[in-house]
């Protein structure tokens, strides 16, 4: 009985580690998006308003993915 509980928890911890990898990938994607925004505005300052609005939409999407992974990880640890 106790061995089954330990196996279930160990699988949950492995899944939480995979969620942490997904959050890391989201952070890398966010930094790539920031670099692209800065380069675009640096090359052509007239498009700042257009690029900025699309950039914020992209950042929100990336952060939502990271937040979903965090919620899933917390749920796996405590339930």
C-alpha atoms as a PDB file:
ATOM      1  CA  UNK A   1       0.000   0.000   0.000  1.00  0.00           C
ATOM      2  CA  UNK A   2       2.708   2.446   1.007  1.00  0.00           C
ATOM      3  CA  UNK A   3       4.788   1.524  -2.045  1.00  0.00           C
ATOM      4  CA  UNK A   4       1.890   2.446  -4.354  1.00  0.00           C
ATOM      5  CA  UNK A   5       1.577   5.865  -2.725  1.00  0.00           C
ATOM      6  CA  UNK A   6       5.290   6.485  -3.177  1.00  0.00           C
ATOM      7  CA  UNK A   7       5.087   5.479  -6.834  1.00  0.00           C
ATOM      8  CA  UNK A   8       2.144   7.825  -7.417  1.00  0.00           C
ATOM      9  CA  UNK A   9       3.959  10.727  -5.770  1.00  0.00           C
ATOM     10  CA  UNK A  10       7.158  10.060  -7.677  1.00  0.00           C
ATOM     11  CA  UNK A  11       5.258  10.127 -10.961  1.00  0.00           C
ATOM     12  CA  UNK A  12       3.682  13.424  -9.903  1.00  0.00           C
ATOM     13  CA  UNK A  13       7.097  14.894  -9.131  1.00  0.00           C
ATOM     14  CA  UNK A  14       8.396  13.826 -12.542  1.00  0.00           C
ATOM     15  CA  UNK A  15       5.368  15.465 -14.156  1.00  0.00           C
ATOM     16  CA  UNK A  16       6.006  18.632 -12.133  1.00  0.00           C
ATOM     17  CA  UNK A  17       9.567  18.651 -13.463  1.00  0.00           C
ATOM     18  CA  UNK A  18       8.207  18.454 -17.001  1.00  0.00           C
ATOM     19  CA  UNK A  19       5.900  21.377 -16.218  1.00  0.00           C
ATOM     20  CA  UNK A  20       8.947  23.312 -15.035  1.00  0.00           C
ATOM     21  CA  UNK A  21      10.600  22.608 -18.384  1.00  0.00           C
ATOM     22  CA  UNK A  22       7.533  23.971 -20.151  1.00  0.00           C
ATOM     23  CA  UNK A  23       7.697  27.123 -18.011  1.00  0.00           C
ATOM     24  CA  UNK A  24      11.374  27.485 -18.915  1.00  0.00           C
ATOM     25  CA  UNK A  25      10.524  27.165 -22.599  1.00  0.00           C
ATOM     26  CA  UNK A  26       7.879  29.881 -22.177  1.00  0.00           C
ATOM     27  CA  UNK A  27      10.477  32.168 -20.591  1.00  0.00           C
ATOM     28  CA  UNK A  28      12.865  31.563 -23.472  1.00  0.00           C
ATOM     29  CA  UNK A  29      10.083  32.272 -25.961  1.00  0.00           C
ATOM     30  CA  UNK A  30       9.252  35.501 -24.155  1.00  0.00           C
ATOM     31  CA  UNK A  31      12.861  36.660 -24.324  1.00  0.00           C
ATOM     32  CA  UNK A  32      13.013  35.854 -28.047  1.00  0.00           C
ATOM     33  CA  UNK A  33       9.849  37.899 -28.574  1.00  0.00           C
ATOM     34  CA  UNK A  34      11.334  40.867 -26.674  1.00  0.00           C
ATOM     35  CA  UNK A  35      14.503  40.739 -28.776  1.00  0.00           C
ATOM     36  CA  UNK A  36      12.449  40.689 -31.983  1.00  0.00           C
ATOM     37  CA  UNK A  37      10.366  43.654 -30.807  1.00  0.00           C
ATOM     38  CA  UNK A  38      13.426  45.711 -29.881  1.00  0.00           C
ATOM     39  CA  UNK A  39      15.159  44.930 -33.180  1.00  0.00           C
ATOM     40  CA  UNK A  40      12.037  45.770 -35.195  1.00  0.00           C
ATOM     41  CA  UNK A  41      11.480  49.114 -33.501  1.00  0.00           C
ATOM     42  CA  UNK A  42      15.187  49.878 -33.723  1.00  0.00           C
ATOM     43  CA  UNK A  43      15.172  49.350 -37.480  1.00  0.00           C
ATOM     44  CA  UNK A  44      11.882  51.108 -38.207  1.00  0.00           C
ATOM     45  CA  UNK A  45      10.607  53.379 -35.400  1.00  0.00           C
ATOM     46  CA  UNK A  46       7.441  54.329 -37.318  1.00  0.00           C
ATOM     47  CA  UNK A  47       5.897  50.882 -36.771  1.00  0.00           C
ATOM     48  CA  UNK A  48       6.199  51.008 -32.986  1.00  0.00           C
ATOM     49  CA  UNK A  49       2.440  51.201 -32.326  1.00  0.00           C
ATOM     50  CA  UNK A  50       1.608  48.288 -34.627  1.00  0.00           C
ATOM     51  CA  UNK A  51       4.408  46.083 -33.391  1.00  0.00           C
ATOM     52  CA  UNK A  52       3.734  46.955 -29.767  1.00  0.00           C
ATOM     53  CA  UNK A  53       0.110  45.820 -29.877  1.00  0.00           C
ATOM     54  CA  UNK A  54       0.982  42.487 -31.510  1.00  0.00           C
ATOM     55  CA  UNK A  55       3.862  42.083 -29.084  1.00  0.00           C
ATOM     56  CA  UNK A  56       1.614  42.478 -26.060  1.00  0.00           C
ATOM     57  CA  UNK A  57      -0.809  39.912 -27.467  1.00  0.00           C
ATOM     58  CA  UNK A  58       2.071  37.486 -27.979  1.00  0.00           C
ATOM     59  CA  UNK A  59       3.462  38.128 -24.521  1.00  0.00           C
ATOM     60  CA  UNK A  60       0.065  37.501 -22.974  1.00  0.00           C
ATOM     61  CA  UNK A  61      -0.242  34.207 -24.810  1.00  0.00           C
ATOM     62  CA  UNK A  62       3.198  33.058 -23.721  1.00  0.00           C
ATOM     63  CA  UNK A  63       2.592  34.062 -20.115  1.00  0.00           C
ATOM     64  CA  UNK A  64      -0.761  32.259 -20.152  1.00  0.00           C
ATOM     65  CA  UNK A  65       0.986  29.037 -21.166  1.00  0.00           C
ATOM     66  CA  UNK A  66       3.485  29.434 -18.320  1.00  0.00           C
ATOM     67  CA  UNK A  67       0.691  30.189 -15.845  1.00  0.00           C
ATOM     68  CA  UNK A  68      -1.280  27.119 -16.941  1.00  0.00           C
ATOM     69  CA  UNK A  69       1.794  24.961 -16.427  1.00  0.00           C
ATOM     70  CA  UNK A  70       2.315  26.439 -12.969  1.00  0.00           C
ATOM     71  CA  UNK A  71      -1.289  25.692 -11.991  1.00  0.00           C
ATOM     72  CA  UNK A  72      -1.003  22.143 -13.293  1.00  0.00           C
ATOM     73  CA  UNK A  73       2.230  21.628 -11.350  1.00  0.00           C
ATOM     74  CA  UNK A  74       0.718  22.913  -8.112  1.00  0.00           C
ATOM     75  CA  UNK A  75      -2.342  20.724  -8.561  1.00  0.00           C
ATOM     76  CA  UNK A  76      -0.148  17.675  -9.127  1.00  0.00           C
ATOM     77  CA  UNK A  77       1.837  18.308  -5.970  1.00  0.00           C
ATOM     78  CA  UNK A  78      -1.101  18.835  -3.637  1.00  0.00           C
ATOM     79  CA  UNK A  79      -3.741  16.490  -5.079  1.00  0.00           C
END
